[in-house]
Amino acid sequence: MQDNNSSSLNEEENNILLISQHIHKNDEIKLNERHDYKKLSFNEAYVVMKNKIDTTAGSYTDDVDVHNDANTAIHIKSIQANATIPPDGGWGWVVVAASFCCNLAVDGIIYSFGIFLPILVEKLGSSKAKVSLIGSLLSGSYLAAGPFVSALANRYGFRMITIVGAVLSCIAFFISSFATDVEFLYITYGILGGIGFGLIFVPAVIVIGFYFEKWRALATGIAVCGSGVGTFIMAPLSAWLIEQYTWKHAMIIQAGFILNCAVFGSLFRPLQQISAEVPKAMTHTIATVLDISLMKSVTFIILALSGFLTSMGMYTPFMYINDRAIKLNINESSAIWLISVLGIANTIGRVGFGLLISIPNTNAVLINNISLTLCGACTMFSGLFPYVEYQFFYASIFGLTIACFSSLRTIIIVDLLGLEKLTNAFGLLLLFQGIAAVVGPPLAGYSVDITGSYDLSFYISGALIIISAAICYPIEMINKSEKKQT
């Protein structure tokens, strides 16, 4: 009986807190009255507070001393909320355009690093494994920084964090142009550039949710399409810059290009602030984001392992598809466009999966598993025929099927773990993916250095992606069993 009362109590307390922070209009309310709910039951007090908040909007300040039916006192002192409903349009579409451009710049540079691979191997006199670690650190750092950047964005705002990230990345890339060895590029281009990219990427994605509610899925879909478009543009552009100038001058131009994200970030105009008088709220931000208790969930562990394996395998094609095509005696001018085709297919895939999952009763987990299985299988057999048509076909299928990973990840988290775990779970998953992104491509490059062929690298890459899908086929059954136990 004690447990039931406690459970009900916690649920109602959460309802009050949530309702006091969920405002339905743009106008401010200023209710600084003092109310005595001591003679009311918990449910009655809940209704009174709900009605007061539903009929007004903006901020709510109240002192509450509520007793539930079991005479257990709950003290909610000076709850204060100041919120604005997402405008669902207007300046929000400017924010979408700015976010699109940020994704275009960040992911375009990350996914086209493979264009720099051959020239850096030649000019720096290093192995493919060592040079590929530069790109791996770039992608890994920007993923692993995700949960920490979220905490900083909550504290300092999306605009400031994005501008800082753009400046940091610009400086890191500019300094990289003076590099004479790969170790220098590990620090500047890889780690510092990756952290800067994380400071741009995370706010650019999250800010959309604050500007849109009704059109959130559409707005987010448009914004993240910048990733595929950036991959399409940056691959041939990087190749042209290296050819016309040098790899060092190409990095300087990239530095100037990424600095534009400071302009895009300045367009992330803050809406009316949401505030609450919660003791030590920010001091626990990082601890909340890195909720290690999730590791007790078998469902989460499977998701984390699957994400780790997918990330470990998926960056190999992005990194090496161009260089492998050249080794297969495909014309270099044609090979450059493989990454571009992959990027366009990825853009189509992101939009397609988003539309597909919007259909009622669509199983996101099953779609994800089937797509990753196909992605892994086509990667394993991608070197079967050394013809340019076959390689472009593979690039299209890979880009299309791997799009499910980025499009459906958050949806799967909500379906399996619940909306309340989304932020914490996604933050930890980014850490796992970031580590995998650092490890995967260098291992693939090491196998190329040993065998002199890309066959083994793409076999392993495809196998890892297939395994990542295979372990998720029973995850829904495991999740149901887990929920019954709790």
Protein backbone atom coordinates (compact mmCIF):
# COMPACT_ATOMS: atom_id res chain seq x y z
CA MET A 1 0.00 0.00 0.00
CA GLN A 2 2.90 2.31 0.86
CA ASP A 3 4.46 1.71 -2.57
CA ASN A 4 1.21 2.45 -4.41
CA ASN A 5 0.75 5.72 -2.55
CA SER A 6 4.34 6.69 -3.20
CA SER A 7 4.01 5.86 -6.89
CA SER A 8 0.83 7.89 -7.23
CA LEU A 9 2.40 10.73 -5.29
CA ASN A 10 5.44 10.90 -7.54
CA GLU A 11 3.29 10.77 -10.66
CA GLU A 12 1.08 13.65 -9.54
CA GLU A 13 4.06 15.68 -8.36
CA ASN A 14 5.62 15.27 -11.78
CA ASN A 15 2.35 16.33 -13.40
CA ILE A 16 2.32 19.56 -11.43
CA LEU A 17 5.93 20.31 -12.26
CA LEU A 18 5.44 19.53 -15.94
CA ILE A 19 2.24 21.51 -16.29
CA SER A 20 3.79 24.50 -14.55
CA GLN A 21 6.50 24.51 -17.19
CA HIS A 22 4.32 23.79 -20.22
CA ILE A 23 2.74 27.04 -21.36
CA HIS A 24 0.25 27.28 -24.19
CA LYS A 25 0.46 30.92 -25.28
CA ASN A 26 3.09 33.58 -25.92
CA ASP A 27 1.79 36.06 -23.39
CA GLU A 28 3.26 36.25 -19.89
CA ILE A 29 1.35 35.50 -16.72
CA LYS A 30 2.33 36.87 -13.39
CA LEU A 31 0.61 34.99 -10.61
CA ASN A 32 2.38 35.79 -7.38
CA GLU A 33 -0.53 34.89 -5.13
CA ARG A 34 -0.19 32.62 -2.13
CA HIS A 35 -2.56 29.66 -2.03
CA ASP A 36 -3.37 27.27 0.77
CA TYR A 37 -4.04 23.78 -0.53
CA LYS A 38 -3.78 22.07 2.83
CA LYS A 39 -7.46 21.19 2.86
CA LEU A 40 -7.34 19.83 -0.71
CA SER A 41 -6.39 16.36 -1.80
CA PHE A 42 -3.44 16.00 -4.11
CA ASN A 43 -5.68 15.51 -7.17
CA GLU A 44 -7.80 18.54 -6.27
CA ALA A 45 -4.72 20.73 -5.88
CA TYR A 46 -3.46 19.42 -9.20
CA VAL A 47 -6.70 20.47 -10.94
CA VAL A 48 -6.60 23.94 -9.38
CA MET A 49 -3.01 24.51 -10.52
CA LYS A 50 -3.73 23.09 -13.97
CA ASN A 51 -6.71 25.40 -14.47
CA LYS A 52 -4.70 28.43 -13.42
CA ILE A 53 -1.93 27.60 -15.83
CA ASP A 54 -4.20 26.54 -18.70
CA THR A 55 -6.06 29.84 -18.65
CA THR A 56 -2.88 31.92 -18.68
CA ALA A 57 0.57 31.68 -20.14
CA GLY A 58 4.18 32.70 -19.73
CA SER A 59 5.46 32.33 -16.17
CA TYR A 60 4.03 30.90 -13.00
CA THR A 61 5.17 31.56 -9.45
CA ASP A 62 3.37 29.97 -6.54
CA ASP A 63 3.98 28.53 -3.08
CA VAL A 64 2.32 25.17 -2.60
CA ASP A 65 1.95 23.03 0.48
CA VAL A 66 -0.01 19.99 -0.65
CA HIS A 67 -1.14 17.01 1.43
CA ASN A 68 -2.15 13.83 -0.32
CA ASP A 69 -4.86 11.52 0.91
CA ALA A 70 -2.32 9.58 3.01
CA ASN A 71 -1.44 12.82 4.86
CA THR A 72 2.03 12.87 3.33
CA ALA A 73 3.15 16.44 2.79
CA ILE A 74 4.78 17.62 -0.43
CA HIS A 75 6.33 21.05 -0.49
CA ILE A 76 6.74 22.71 -3.86
CA LYS A 77 8.01 26.17 -3.03
CA SER A 78 8.19 28.99 -5.57
CA ILE A 79 7.85 26.98 -8.76
CA GLN A 80 8.58 29.54 -11.45
CA ALA A 81 8.21 28.92 -15.17
CA ASN A 82 8.65 31.38 -18.00
CA ALA A 83 8.08 29.73 -21.38
CA THR A 84 7.07 30.41 -24.97
CA ILE A 85 5.23 28.13 -27.32
CA PRO A 86 7.25 27.33 -30.49
CA PRO A 87 6.13 29.81 -33.19
CA ASP A 88 5.93 27.06 -35.86
CA GLY A 89 6.99 29.39 -38.63
CA GLY A 90 8.16 32.95 -39.13
CA TRP A 91 11.78 33.35 -38.03
CA GLY A 92 11.81 29.61 -37.40
CA TRP A 93 12.31 28.96 -41.11
CA VAL A 94 15.36 31.23 -41.06
CA VAL A 95 16.67 29.07 -38.23
CA VAL A 96 16.00 25.95 -40.33
CA ALA A 97 18.00 27.44 -43.20
CA ALA A 98 20.86 28.33 -40.84
CA SER A 99 20.82 24.85 -39.32
CA PHE A 100 20.85 23.34 -42.82
CA CYS A 101 23.98 25.36 -43.67
CA CYS A 102 25.69 24.33 -40.42
CA ASN A 103 25.03 20.65 -41.16
CA LEU A 104 26.21 21.17 -44.72
CA ALA A 105 29.53 22.61 -43.58
CA VAL A 106 30.24 20.23 -40.69
CA ASP A 107 29.20 16.89 -42.17
CA GLY A 108 30.34 17.89 -45.64
CA ILE A 109 33.91 18.36 -44.38
CA ILE A 110 33.83 15.26 -42.17
CA TYR A 111 32.51 12.86 -44.81
CA SER A 112 34.78 14.18 -47.56
CA PHE A 113 38.01 13.74 -45.58
CA GLY A 114 38.73 10.68 -47.70
CA ILE A 115 39.64 13.07 -50.55
CA PHE A 116 42.59 14.28 -48.46
CA LEU A 117 43.73 10.75 -47.61
CA PRO A 118 45.98 9.94 -50.64
CA ILE A 119 47.67 13.35 -50.74
CA LEU A 120 48.38 13.36 -46.99
CA VAL A 121 49.81 9.84 -47.17
CA GLU A 122 52.11 11.02 -49.94
CA LYS A 123 53.11 14.43 -48.56
CA LEU A 124 53.50 13.41 -44.91
CA GLY A 125 55.11 10.07 -45.71
CA SER A 126 52.83 8.13 -43.40
CA SER A 127 50.63 5.04 -43.59
CA LYS A 128 46.91 5.02 -44.42
CA ALA A 129 46.12 3.83 -40.91
CA LYS A 130 47.88 6.80 -39.30
CA VAL A 131 46.47 9.37 -41.72
CA SER A 132 42.93 8.00 -41.44
CA LEU A 133 43.11 8.54 -37.68
CA ILE A 134 43.02 12.29 -38.38
CA GLY A 135 39.56 12.00 -39.95
CA SER A 136 38.50 9.49 -37.30
CA LEU A 137 39.41 11.88 -34.49
CA LEU A 138 37.49 14.63 -36.28
CA SER A 139 34.28 12.57 -36.52
CA GLY A 140 34.76 10.85 -33.15
CA SER A 141 35.39 14.05 -31.22
CA TYR A 142 32.33 15.81 -32.58
CA LEU A 143 30.13 12.86 -31.66
CA ALA A 144 31.63 12.24 -28.22
CA ALA A 145 31.33 15.94 -27.35
CA GLY A 146 27.55 15.76 -27.87
CA PRO A 147 26.28 15.35 -24.29
CA PHE A 148 28.69 17.94 -22.89
CA VAL A 149 27.77 20.44 -25.61
CA SER A 150 24.10 19.96 -24.72
CA ALA A 151 24.86 20.98 -21.15
CA LEU A 152 26.77 24.06 -22.32
CA ALA A 153 23.97 25.02 -24.71
CA ASN A 154 21.47 24.84 -21.87
CA ARG A 155 23.64 27.21 -19.86
CA TYR A 156 24.86 29.70 -22.46
CA GLY A 157 22.37 29.37 -25.32
CA PHE A 158 22.54 27.96 -28.84
CA ARG A 159 23.76 31.17 -30.49
CA MET A 160 26.82 31.63 -28.28
CA ILE A 161 27.91 27.97 -28.38
CA THR A 162 27.59 27.78 -32.18
CA ILE A 163 29.66 30.95 -32.67
CA VAL A 164 32.35 29.68 -30.30
CA GLY A 165 32.42 26.36 -32.16
CA ALA A 166 32.81 28.08 -35.53
CA VAL A 167 35.69 30.23 -34.29
CA LEU A 168 37.41 27.26 -32.62
CA SER A 169 37.11 25.10 -35.75
CA CYS A 170 38.33 27.94 -37.96
CA ILE A 171 41.44 28.45 -35.82
CA ALA A 172 42.07 24.69 -35.63
CA PHE A 173 41.85 24.25 -39.41
CA PHE A 174 44.01 27.30 -40.08
CA ILE A 175 46.72 26.05 -37.72
CA SER A 176 46.49 22.62 -39.40
CA SER A 177 47.76 24.14 -42.64
CA PHE A 178 51.18 24.51 -40.98
CA ALA A 179 51.41 20.81 -40.11
CA THR A 180 54.48 18.81 -41.07
CA ASP A 181 53.47 15.50 -39.50
CA VAL A 182 50.32 13.53 -38.71
CA GLU A 183 50.69 13.90 -34.94
CA PHE A 184 50.24 17.66 -35.27
CA LEU A 185 47.05 17.11 -37.30
CA TYR A 186 45.73 14.70 -34.67
CA ILE A 187 45.57 17.58 -32.19
CA THR A 188 44.58 20.48 -34.46
CA TYR A 189 42.44 19.07 -37.26
CA GLY A 190 41.19 16.00 -35.40
CA ILE A 191 40.56 16.82 -31.73
CA LEU A 192 40.25 20.63 -31.68
CA GLY A 193 38.42 20.70 -35.01
CA GLY A 194 36.13 17.89 -33.85
CA ILE A 195 35.25 19.63 -30.58
CA GLY A 196 34.50 22.80 -32.53
CA PHE A 197 32.30 20.83 -34.90
CA GLY A 198 30.43 19.37 -31.93
CA LEU A 199 29.80 22.88 -30.63
CA ILE A 200 28.22 23.73 -34.01
CA PHE A 201 26.39 20.49 -34.75
CA VAL A 202 24.50 19.88 -31.50
CA PRO A 203 22.92 23.36 -31.17
CA ALA A 204 22.08 23.35 -34.90
CA VAL A 205 20.04 20.17 -34.43
CA ILE A 206 18.46 20.91 -31.06
CA VAL A 207 17.42 24.50 -31.79
CA ILE A 208 14.82 23.32 -34.33
CA GLY A 209 12.77 21.72 -31.57
CA PHE A 210 12.40 25.05 -29.80
CA TYR A 211 11.07 26.83 -32.87
CA PHE A 212 8.68 24.14 -34.10
CA GLU A 213 6.07 21.83 -32.65
CA LYS A 214 3.47 21.07 -35.31
CA TRP A 215 6.05 21.14 -38.14
CA ARG A 216 8.95 19.81 -36.08
CA ALA A 217 9.46 16.62 -38.10
CA LEU A 218 9.44 18.51 -41.41
CA ALA A 219 11.72 21.28 -40.14
CA THR A 220 14.19 18.81 -38.64
CA GLY A 221 14.16 16.75 -41.83
CA ILE A 222 15.01 19.79 -43.93
CA ALA A 223 17.79 20.84 -41.56
CA VAL A 224 19.56 17.46 -41.39
CA CYS A 225 19.42 17.13 -45.18
CA GLY A 226 22.27 19.62 -45.13
CA SER A 227 24.50 16.68 -44.22
CA GLY A 228 23.85 14.84 -47.49
CA VAL A 229 24.01 18.00 -49.58
CA GLY A 230 27.28 18.93 -47.90
CA THR A 231 28.75 15.52 -48.71
CA PHE A 232 27.68 15.97 -52.33
CA ILE A 233 29.27 19.43 -52.60
CA MET A 234 32.40 19.14 -50.47
CA ALA A 235 33.91 16.01 -52.06
CA PRO A 236 34.45 17.47 -55.56
CA LEU A 237 35.14 20.91 -54.11
CA SER A 238 37.90 19.56 -51.85
CA ALA A 239 39.43 17.64 -54.77
CA TRP A 240 39.37 20.79 -56.91
CA LEU A 241 40.96 22.91 -54.17
CA ILE A 242 43.75 20.39 -53.65
CA GLU A 243 44.38 20.22 -57.39
CA GLN A 244 44.29 23.96 -57.99
CA TYR A 245 46.19 24.97 -54.87
CA THR A 246 47.62 22.54 -52.27
CA TRP A 247 46.19 20.51 -49.40
CA LYS A 248 47.43 23.21 -47.01
CA HIS A 249 45.63 26.00 -48.86
CA ALA A 250 42.56 23.78 -49.10
CA MET A 251 42.51 23.56 -45.29
CA ILE A 252 42.80 27.34 -45.01
CA ILE A 253 39.81 27.71 -47.34
CA GLN A 254 37.94 25.14 -45.23
CA ALA A 255 38.75 27.27 -42.18
CA GLY A 256 37.12 30.29 -43.84
CA PHE A 257 34.20 28.18 -44.95
CA ILE A 258 33.49 26.86 -41.45
CA LEU A 259 33.78 30.37 -39.99
CA ASN A 260 30.55 31.17 -41.84
CA CYS A 261 28.81 29.00 -39.24
CA ALA A 262 29.34 31.89 -36.81
CA VAL A 263 27.04 33.94 -39.05
CA PHE A 264 24.55 31.07 -39.28
CA GLY A 265 24.70 30.58 -35.52
CA SER A 266 23.97 34.26 -34.93
CA LEU A 267 20.61 33.63 -36.58
CA PHE A 268 19.66 31.25 -33.73
CA ARG A 269 17.78 34.08 -32.06
CA PRO A 270 16.78 33.06 -28.54
CA LEU A 271 13.09 32.85 -27.79
CA GLN A 272 11.57 33.87 -24.47
CA GLN A 273 13.59 32.10 -21.79
CA ILE A 274 12.26 29.15 -19.80
CA SER A 275 13.36 29.37 -16.18
CA ALA A 276 12.63 27.52 -12.98
CA GLU A 277 13.69 27.95 -9.37
CA VAL A 278 15.25 24.53 -8.94
CA PRO A 279 18.13 24.33 -6.44
CA LYS A 280 21.48 23.40 -8.01
CA ALA A 281 19.86 22.72 -11.39
CA MET A 282 22.91 23.44 -13.50
CA THR A 283 25.41 21.84 -11.14
CA HIS A 284 23.88 18.47 -11.97
CA THR A 285 23.46 19.03 -15.72
CA ILE A 286 26.38 16.92 -16.86
CA ALA A 287 25.61 14.23 -14.31
CA THR A 288 22.03 14.11 -15.60
CA VAL A 289 23.08 13.91 -19.22
CA LEU A 290 25.55 11.12 -18.43
CA ASP A 291 23.03 8.93 -16.64
CA ILE A 292 25.09 5.80 -16.00
CA SER A 293 22.04 4.07 -14.49
CA LEU A 294 20.93 3.39 -18.07
CA MET A 295 23.64 0.75 -18.20
CA LYS A 296 21.41 -1.39 -15.98
CA SER A 297 18.96 -1.72 -18.86
CA VAL A 298 19.57 -4.64 -21.22
CA THR A 299 17.66 -2.75 -23.91
CA PHE A 300 20.01 0.22 -23.66
CA ILE A 301 23.11 -1.98 -23.66
CA ILE A 302 21.95 -3.62 -26.89
CA LEU A 303 21.29 -0.19 -28.45
CA ALA A 304 24.70 1.03 -27.32
CA LEU A 305 26.49 -2.04 -28.67
CA SER A 306 24.56 -1.84 -31.94
CA GLY A 307 25.39 1.84 -32.32
CA PHE A 308 29.04 1.17 -31.55
CA LEU A 309 29.27 -1.56 -34.21
CA THR A 310 27.39 0.49 -36.81
CA SER A 311 29.64 3.51 -36.29
CA MET A 312 32.74 1.34 -36.34
CA GLY A 313 31.73 0.02 -39.76
CA MET A 314 29.98 2.93 -41.46
CA TYR A 315 32.90 5.35 -41.62
CA THR A 316 35.09 2.97 -43.65
CA PRO A 317 33.14 3.51 -46.92
CA PHE A 318 33.02 7.26 -46.36
CA MET A 319 36.77 7.33 -45.78
CA TYR A 320 38.00 4.89 -48.42
CA ILE A 321 35.43 4.55 -51.22
CA ASN A 322 37.25 7.13 -53.35
CA ASP A 323 40.75 5.69 -52.88
CA ARG A 324 39.54 2.12 -53.42
CA ALA A 325 37.91 3.10 -56.71
CA ILE A 326 41.21 4.56 -57.92
CA LYS A 327 42.98 1.32 -56.95
CA LEU A 328 40.36 -0.55 -59.01
CA ASN A 329 41.60 1.47 -62.03
CA ILE A 330 38.54 3.71 -62.10
CA ASN A 331 39.27 7.16 -63.49
CA GLU A 332 40.06 9.59 -60.67
CA SER A 333 37.69 12.23 -62.04
CA SER A 334 34.86 9.67 -61.80
CA ALA A 335 35.92 8.27 -58.42
CA ILE A 336 35.61 11.69 -56.80
CA TRP A 337 31.85 11.69 -57.48
CA LEU A 338 31.26 8.44 -55.57
CA ILE A 339 31.13 10.33 -52.28
CA SER A 340 28.82 12.91 -53.84
CA VAL A 341 26.41 10.22 -55.05
CA LEU A 342 26.55 8.66 -51.59
CA GLY A 343 25.64 12.03 -50.08
CA ILE A 344 22.65 12.60 -52.34
CA ALA A 345 21.38 9.06 -51.73
CA ASN A 346 21.78 9.66 -48.00
CA THR A 347 19.71 12.84 -48.26
CA ILE A 348 16.93 11.00 -50.08
CA GLY A 349 17.11 8.22 -47.50
CA ARG A 350 16.76 10.57 -44.55
CA VAL A 351 13.66 12.17 -46.04
CA GLY A 352 12.26 8.80 -47.13
CA PHE A 353 12.70 7.13 -43.75
CA GLY A 354 11.18 10.17 -42.06
CA LEU A 355 8.09 9.97 -44.26
CA LEU A 356 7.86 6.20 -43.87
CA ILE A 357 8.00 6.29 -40.10
CA SER A 358 5.20 8.89 -40.02
CA ILE A 359 2.78 6.24 -41.27
CA PRO A 360 0.76 4.90 -38.31
CA ASN A 361 1.81 1.53 -36.84
CA THR A 362 5.12 1.54 -38.71
CA ASN A 363 7.78 -0.44 -36.83
CA ALA A 364 10.91 1.75 -36.65
CA VAL A 365 13.04 -1.01 -35.11
CA LEU A 366 12.23 -3.50 -37.87
CA ILE A 367 12.87 -0.93 -40.62
CA ASN A 368 16.19 -0.03 -39.01
CA ASN A 369 17.26 -3.67 -38.76
CA ILE A 370 16.35 -4.54 -42.34
CA SER A 371 18.05 -1.43 -43.71
CA LEU A 372 21.26 -2.03 -41.77
CA THR A 373 21.30 -5.67 -42.85
CA LEU A 374 21.05 -4.63 -46.50
CA CYS A 375 23.67 -1.93 -45.92
CA GLY A 376 26.12 -4.40 -44.41
CA ALA A 377 25.52 -7.03 -47.09
CA CYS A 378 26.06 -4.63 -49.99
CA THR A 379 29.23 -3.31 -48.31
CA MET A 380 30.67 -6.81 -48.00
CA PHE A 381 30.08 -7.43 -51.72
CA SER A 382 30.93 -3.91 -52.87
CA GLY A 383 34.26 -4.97 -54.33
CA LEU A 384 32.82 -7.89 -56.27
CA PHE A 385 32.95 -6.10 -59.63
CA PRO A 386 35.62 -3.43 -60.36
CA TYR A 387 33.38 -1.48 -62.70
CA VAL A 388 32.51 2.17 -62.31
CA GLU A 389 28.76 1.50 -62.73
CA TYR A 390 28.83 -1.10 -59.97
CA GLN A 391 30.69 1.24 -57.61
CA PHE A 392 28.17 4.02 -58.20
CA PHE A 393 25.37 1.52 -57.59
CA TYR A 394 26.99 0.53 -54.29
CA ALA A 395 27.47 4.17 -53.25
CA SER A 396 23.76 4.80 -53.88
CA ILE A 397 22.58 1.75 -51.91
CA PHE A 398 24.97 2.43 -49.03
CA GLY A 399 23.95 6.09 -48.75
CA LEU A 400 20.27 5.20 -48.91
CA THR A 401 20.30 2.37 -46.36
CA ILE A 402 22.71 3.90 -43.81
CA ALA A 403 20.40 6.94 -43.63
CA CYS A 404 18.13 4.93 -41.32
CA PHE A 405 20.78 5.08 -38.60
CA SER A 406 20.62 8.86 -38.26
CA SER A 407 16.92 9.20 -39.11
CA LEU A 408 15.44 6.58 -36.77
CA ARG A 409 17.82 6.53 -33.80
CA THR A 410 15.92 8.98 -31.60
CA ILE A 411 12.58 7.46 -32.56
CA ILE A 412 13.79 4.00 -31.54
CA ILE A 413 15.05 5.35 -28.21
CA VAL A 414 11.65 6.87 -27.44
CA ASP A 415 9.80 3.70 -28.52
CA LEU A 416 11.93 1.43 -26.34
CA LEU A 417 13.06 3.57 -23.40
CA GLY A 418 10.47 6.35 -23.29
CA LEU A 419 10.56 10.07 -24.01
CA GLU A 420 11.86 10.88 -20.53
CA LYS A 421 15.07 8.93 -21.24
CA LEU A 422 15.70 10.42 -24.69
CA THR A 423 18.23 13.10 -23.73
CA ASN A 424 20.23 10.92 -21.36
CA ALA A 425 20.20 7.85 -23.61
CA PHE A 426 21.07 9.79 -26.75
CA GLY A 427 23.98 11.49 -24.99
CA LEU A 428 25.50 8.21 -23.86
CA LEU A 429 24.95 6.62 -27.27
CA LEU A 430 26.85 9.49 -28.87
CA LEU A 431 29.80 8.69 -26.61
CA PHE A 432 29.81 5.06 -27.76
CA GLN A 433 29.49 6.13 -31.41
CA GLY A 434 32.28 8.66 -31.03
CA ILE A 435 34.69 6.05 -29.67
CA ALA A 436 33.77 3.67 -32.50
CA ALA A 437 34.27 6.39 -35.11
CA VAL A 438 37.83 6.89 -33.84
CA VAL A 439 38.65 3.17 -33.87
CA GLY A 440 37.01 1.93 -37.11
CA PRO A 441 38.74 3.70 -40.04
CA PRO A 442 42.31 3.37 -38.69
CA LEU A 443 41.81 -0.38 -38.28
CA ALA A 444 40.54 -0.54 -41.86
CA GLY A 445 43.55 1.48 -43.01
CA TYR A 446 45.88 -0.80 -41.09
CA SER A 447 44.48 -3.84 -42.89
CA VAL A 448 45.05 -2.07 -46.23
CA ASP A 449 48.67 -1.35 -45.28
CA ILE A 450 49.19 -5.04 -44.47
CA THR A 451 47.26 -6.70 -47.33
CA GLY A 452 47.60 -4.02 -50.01
CA SER A 453 43.88 -4.37 -50.75
CA TYR A 454 40.63 -2.87 -49.51
CA ASP A 455 38.78 -6.19 -49.68
CA LEU A 456 39.29 -7.17 -46.03
CA SER A 457 38.45 -3.67 -44.78
CA PHE A 458 35.08 -3.60 -46.56
CA TYR A 459 34.33 -7.21 -45.53
CA ILE A 460 34.86 -6.29 -41.89
CA SER A 461 32.95 -3.03 -42.27
CA GLY A 462 29.93 -4.82 -43.77
CA ALA A 463 30.08 -7.61 -41.18
CA LEU A 464 30.08 -5.12 -38.31
CA ILE A 465 26.99 -3.38 -39.70
CA ILE A 466 25.19 -6.70 -40.18
CA ILE A 467 25.99 -7.77 -36.61
CA SER A 468 24.74 -4.40 -35.34
CA ALA A 469 21.41 -5.14 -37.01
CA ALA A 470 21.29 -8.81 -35.97
CA ILE A 471 21.57 -8.11 -32.23
CA CYS A 472 18.62 -5.71 -32.50
CA TYR A 473 16.16 -8.16 -34.05
CA PRO A 474 15.11 -9.55 -30.62
CA ILE A 475 15.35 -6.18 -28.84
CA GLU A 476 11.60 -5.50 -28.80
CA MET A 477 10.91 -8.86 -27.13
CA ILE A 478 13.66 -8.21 -24.59
CA ASN A 479 12.30 -4.73 -23.97
CA LYS A 480 8.77 -6.04 -23.29
CA SER A 481 10.16 -8.59 -20.85
CA GLU A 482 12.20 -5.89 -19.14
CA LYS A 483 9.16 -3.63 -18.75
CA LYS A 484 7.14 -6.45 -17.21
CA GLN A 485 9.84 -7.02 -14.60
CA THR A 486 9.83 -3.37 -13.60
